[in-house]
Amino acid sequence: MVNKELAYSMLAGERAVMSLSAGDPLGLLKAYGFGDYFRGLWVSETDEREIAMRLRVDSSSELLCDRHTAMRWFSDVSEHGEIVWLGAHAPGWTQIISLSGHICGRVSLQKALSEAGRRVLGLGWTDIDGPTELFYLENGQLIDDITPYHPDPASHGYILSPYLREVPFSETADSEVTLNSFLQVVEKVTEGAISSEWFETVHNLYRIPRESWSR
C-alpha cells in the first residue's frame, strides 16, 4: 500500500506537474515523487522483451500498470531485488525507471544492456548521497563516467562533451543544477523528452531478483 506521506507527495506532484515547462526534467521528476530517490536508465532498444531478458527479470512478475499502481513499490531499499517500470521513451529508445533497490546502478547490468551495439545512459540520486555519475555505455563498454562535482565537465574530453557544452553547470557544482543538466543531456542524446506523458501512460513493471545479479 502507498503510505500517507507518499500519497500526499503524489497528490502534490499531480498539481505541480501541470505548471512545469520544458527544460526542467528534474522539476518534473520531483513533481512525480522522485525528489528523494531516483534511478533511471535509457537504452537504444525498443524490444521490451529483449530488455527484460537482459535485465534478467522474473518473467512471471510482468505487470502492465499505471503510475499509481507502480508507485506502490517505490522505495530506495528492497528485500526482494529490484522493481523496474519500463516503456518507450523516444524513437529507438526505452526508458527504465527503478522503483526500488540498487541493482540498476551496477555497471555490469548497464554493460549487459548495451551489448550488441546498443547505447545506454544512466544516472540517479538519493537525498542522502546526492547525485551519481552520468554513465554512458556503448556495445558493452563503459565510455563516459561523468562526475557531478565539477563546474565544467565538458572540459574533460568526454564523448558526451558536445552535449555537455549545451547545458549549464554551476561554478560551485550545485547538485540540482548538475542533475537538471545531466537529464537534459539524456534528452539530447535520446532526442526524447522526459515527459509527463510518459508517467501518465501504462508500462510494464518487472521484478529483478537479487540473485540474478549476485555474481
Protein backbone atom coordinates (compact mmCIF):
# COMPACT_ATOMS: atom_id res chain seq x y z
CA MET A 1 0.00 0.00 0.00
CA VAL A 2 1.10 3.59 -0.58
CA ASN A 3 1.85 5.24 2.75
CA LYS A 4 0.17 8.51 3.68
CA GLU A 5 3.29 10.62 3.20
CA LEU A 6 3.84 9.23 -0.30
CA ALA A 7 0.16 9.70 -1.15
CA TYR A 8 0.36 13.39 -0.20
CA SER A 9 3.57 13.72 -2.21
CA MET A 10 1.92 12.16 -5.26
CA LEU A 11 -1.12 14.44 -4.95
CA ALA A 12 1.11 17.50 -4.69
CA GLY A 13 3.06 16.21 -7.68
CA GLU A 14 -0.06 15.92 -9.81
CA ARG A 15 -0.86 19.56 -9.12
CA ALA A 16 2.70 20.82 -9.55
CA VAL A 17 3.43 18.96 -12.76
CA MET A 18 0.77 20.92 -14.59
CA SER A 19 2.83 24.10 -14.20
CA LEU A 20 6.16 22.65 -15.32
CA SER A 21 7.70 23.92 -18.51
CA ALA A 22 10.09 22.29 -20.96
CA GLY A 23 13.71 22.38 -19.89
CA ASP A 24 13.11 21.31 -16.29
CA PRO A 25 13.20 17.49 -16.27
CA LEU A 26 14.40 17.44 -12.66
CA GLY A 27 11.40 19.50 -11.59
CA LEU A 28 9.11 17.11 -13.43
CA LEU A 29 10.62 14.04 -11.74
CA LYS A 30 10.33 15.73 -8.34
CA ALA A 31 6.69 16.54 -9.07
CA TYR A 32 6.08 12.84 -9.66
CA GLY A 33 7.57 11.89 -6.30
CA PHE A 34 11.21 11.27 -7.21
CA GLY A 35 12.72 14.12 -5.19
CA ASP A 36 14.45 11.95 -2.60
CA TYR A 37 15.36 8.95 -4.74
CA PHE A 38 15.68 8.26 -8.45
CA ARG A 39 17.46 5.80 -10.71
CA GLY A 40 16.94 5.87 -14.45
CA LEU A 41 18.36 4.06 -17.47
CA TRP A 42 17.82 4.79 -21.15
CA VAL A 43 18.69 2.11 -23.70
CA SER A 44 18.72 2.31 -27.50
CA GLU A 45 16.43 -0.68 -27.87
CA THR A 46 12.67 -0.86 -28.42
CA ASP A 47 12.13 -4.60 -27.95
CA GLU A 48 10.96 -4.71 -24.34
CA ARG A 49 11.22 -8.50 -24.21
CA GLU A 50 14.88 -8.23 -25.16
CA ILE A 51 15.42 -5.58 -22.49
CA ALA A 52 13.65 -7.67 -19.87
CA MET A 53 15.82 -10.64 -20.77
CA ARG A 54 19.00 -8.59 -20.47
CA LEU A 55 17.84 -7.22 -17.11
CA ARG A 56 17.32 -10.87 -16.02
CA VAL A 57 13.83 -10.16 -14.72
CA ASP A 58 11.46 -12.72 -13.26
CA SER A 59 9.20 -13.11 -16.31
CA SER A 60 6.26 -14.16 -14.13
CA SER A 61 6.37 -10.76 -12.41
CA GLU A 62 5.33 -8.81 -15.52
CA LEU A 63 2.51 -6.37 -14.77
CA LEU A 64 1.10 -3.78 -17.15
CA CYS A 65 0.15 -0.88 -14.90
CA ASP A 66 -0.26 2.84 -14.47
CA ARG A 67 1.87 5.14 -12.34
CA HIS A 68 -0.32 4.91 -9.24
CA THR A 69 -0.01 1.13 -9.18
CA ALA A 70 3.71 1.22 -9.98
CA MET A 71 4.44 3.66 -7.16
CA ARG A 72 3.17 1.16 -4.59
CA TRP A 73 6.62 -0.42 -4.88
CA PHE A 74 8.52 2.87 -4.62
CA SER A 75 11.32 2.66 -2.04
CA ASP A 76 15.08 3.19 -2.01
CA VAL A 77 15.52 -0.27 -0.48
CA SER A 78 14.17 -3.69 -1.36
CA GLU A 79 14.44 -7.08 0.27
CA HIS A 80 13.39 -8.96 -2.84
CA GLY A 81 15.51 -7.49 -5.61
CA GLU A 82 14.59 -4.51 -7.73
CA ILE A 83 11.33 -3.30 -9.23
CA VAL A 84 11.59 -1.57 -12.61
CA TRP A 85 8.97 0.17 -14.73
CA LEU A 86 9.88 0.49 -18.40
CA GLY A 87 8.41 1.76 -21.63
CA ALA A 88 9.03 3.56 -24.92
CA HIS A 89 10.82 6.89 -24.44
CA ALA A 90 11.59 8.13 -27.96
CA PRO A 91 12.04 6.54 -31.41
CA GLY A 92 14.66 3.85 -30.86
CA TRP A 93 14.89 4.32 -27.08
CA THR A 94 13.29 2.82 -23.96
CA GLN A 95 13.20 4.43 -20.52
CA ILE A 96 13.71 2.27 -17.42
CA ILE A 97 12.74 3.68 -14.02
CA SER A 98 13.91 1.83 -10.93
CA LEU A 99 11.28 1.93 -8.19
CA SER A 100 13.21 0.04 -5.51
CA GLY A 101 16.67 -1.37 -4.94
CA HIS A 102 20.05 -0.54 -6.44
CA ILE A 103 20.72 -3.28 -8.98
CA CYS A 104 20.25 -0.93 -11.96
CA GLY A 105 23.18 1.13 -10.67
CA ARG A 106 25.57 -1.74 -11.34
CA VAL A 107 27.90 -1.16 -14.26
CA SER A 108 27.75 -4.91 -15.02
CA LEU A 109 23.99 -4.62 -15.66
CA GLN A 110 24.45 -1.48 -17.74
CA LYS A 111 27.14 -3.21 -19.81
CA ALA A 112 24.81 -6.15 -20.44
CA LEU A 113 22.10 -3.77 -21.64
CA SER A 114 24.49 -2.04 -24.03
CA GLU A 115 25.84 -5.19 -25.71
CA ALA A 116 25.29 -5.85 -29.43
CA GLY A 117 25.75 -2.24 -30.46
CA ARG A 118 23.28 -0.66 -28.06
CA ARG A 119 23.81 2.59 -26.16
CA VAL A 120 22.88 3.15 -22.53
CA LEU A 121 22.70 6.25 -20.34
CA GLY A 122 22.23 6.03 -16.60
CA LEU A 123 22.06 8.33 -13.60
CA GLY A 124 20.40 8.70 -10.25
CA TRP A 125 20.37 10.37 -6.87
CA THR A 126 19.36 9.99 -3.23
CA ASP A 127 18.59 12.64 -0.66
CA ILE A 128 21.48 11.32 1.47
CA ASP A 129 24.25 10.65 -1.04
CA GLY A 130 23.34 13.20 -3.70
CA PRO A 131 23.74 12.55 -7.44
CA THR A 132 25.57 9.66 -9.06
CA GLU A 133 27.78 10.00 -12.10
CA LEU A 134 26.23 10.22 -15.54
CA PHE A 135 27.14 6.93 -17.20
CA TYR A 136 27.33 6.39 -20.95
CA LEU A 137 27.97 2.95 -22.43
CA GLU A 138 28.24 1.57 -25.95
CA ASN A 139 28.46 -2.03 -27.12
CA GLY A 140 29.20 -3.49 -23.70
CA GLN A 141 31.83 -0.89 -22.79
CA LEU A 142 31.72 1.97 -20.28
CA ILE A 143 32.63 5.05 -22.34
CA ASP A 144 31.91 8.00 -20.04
CA ASP A 145 31.67 8.16 -16.25
CA ILE A 146 30.99 11.85 -15.67
CA THR A 147 31.36 13.21 -12.16
CA PRO A 148 28.60 15.51 -10.90
CA TYR A 149 31.08 17.50 -8.81
CA HIS A 150 32.84 19.53 -11.45
CA PRO A 151 31.77 23.00 -12.65
CA ASP A 152 32.89 22.34 -16.24
CA PRO A 153 32.64 18.62 -17.09
CA ALA A 154 32.73 19.33 -20.83
CA SER A 155 36.39 20.31 -20.48
CA HIS A 156 37.36 16.72 -19.63
CA GLY A 157 37.09 15.46 -23.20
CA TYR A 158 34.21 13.05 -22.75
CA ILE A 159 32.41 11.51 -25.71
CA LEU A 160 29.36 13.39 -24.42
CA SER A 161 31.25 16.71 -24.19
CA PRO A 162 29.42 18.24 -27.20
CA TYR A 163 26.14 17.71 -25.33
CA LEU A 164 27.60 18.88 -22.02
CA ARG A 165 28.60 22.18 -23.62
CA GLU A 166 24.97 22.87 -24.49
CA VAL A 167 23.68 22.84 -20.90
CA PRO A 168 24.52 24.99 -17.86
CA PHE A 169 26.69 23.91 -14.94
CA SER A 170 27.11 25.77 -11.66
CA GLU A 171 30.53 27.19 -10.76
CA THR A 172 30.01 25.66 -7.32
CA ALA A 173 28.96 22.28 -8.78
CA ASP A 174 25.44 22.76 -7.37
CA SER A 175 23.88 19.30 -7.41
CA GLU A 176 20.42 20.39 -8.59
CA VAL A 177 21.83 22.40 -11.48
CA THR A 178 24.05 19.44 -12.38
CA LEU A 179 21.22 16.92 -12.18
CA ASN A 180 18.97 19.01 -14.37
CA SER A 181 21.81 19.40 -16.87
CA PHE A 182 22.58 15.67 -16.84
CA LEU A 183 18.90 14.95 -17.51
CA GLN A 184 18.91 17.45 -20.37
CA VAL A 185 21.94 15.65 -21.82
CA VAL A 186 19.91 12.42 -21.71
CA GLU A 187 17.12 14.19 -23.59
CA LYS A 188 19.56 15.49 -26.21
CA VAL A 189 21.27 12.15 -26.79
CA THR A 190 17.99 10.21 -26.99
CA GLU A 191 16.17 13.02 -28.81
CA GLY A 192 13.25 12.48 -26.45
CA ALA A 193 11.85 14.46 -23.55
CA ILE A 194 11.46 13.18 -20.02
CA SER A 195 7.77 14.00 -20.07
CA SER A 196 4.58 13.93 -18.07
CA GLU A 197 3.01 11.94 -20.92
CA TRP A 198 5.34 9.02 -20.15
CA PHE A 199 4.30 8.95 -16.49
CA GLU A 200 0.62 9.15 -17.42
CA THR A 201 0.86 6.09 -19.70
CA VAL A 202 0.73 2.42 -18.69
CA HIS A 203 4.01 0.49 -18.89
CA ASN A 204 5.27 -2.93 -17.89
CA LEU A 205 6.53 -3.47 -14.36
CA TYR A 206 9.05 -6.23 -13.56
CA ARG A 207 11.00 -7.61 -10.62
CA ILE A 208 14.71 -8.28 -10.96
CA PRO A 209 15.57 -10.97 -8.41
CA ARG A 210 18.57 -10.11 -6.27
CA GLU A 211 20.17 -13.45 -7.08
CA SER A 212 20.08 -12.64 -10.81
CA TRP A 213 22.97 -10.21 -10.29
CA SER A 214 24.63 -11.74 -7.24
CA ARG A 215 27.82 -12.58 -9.15
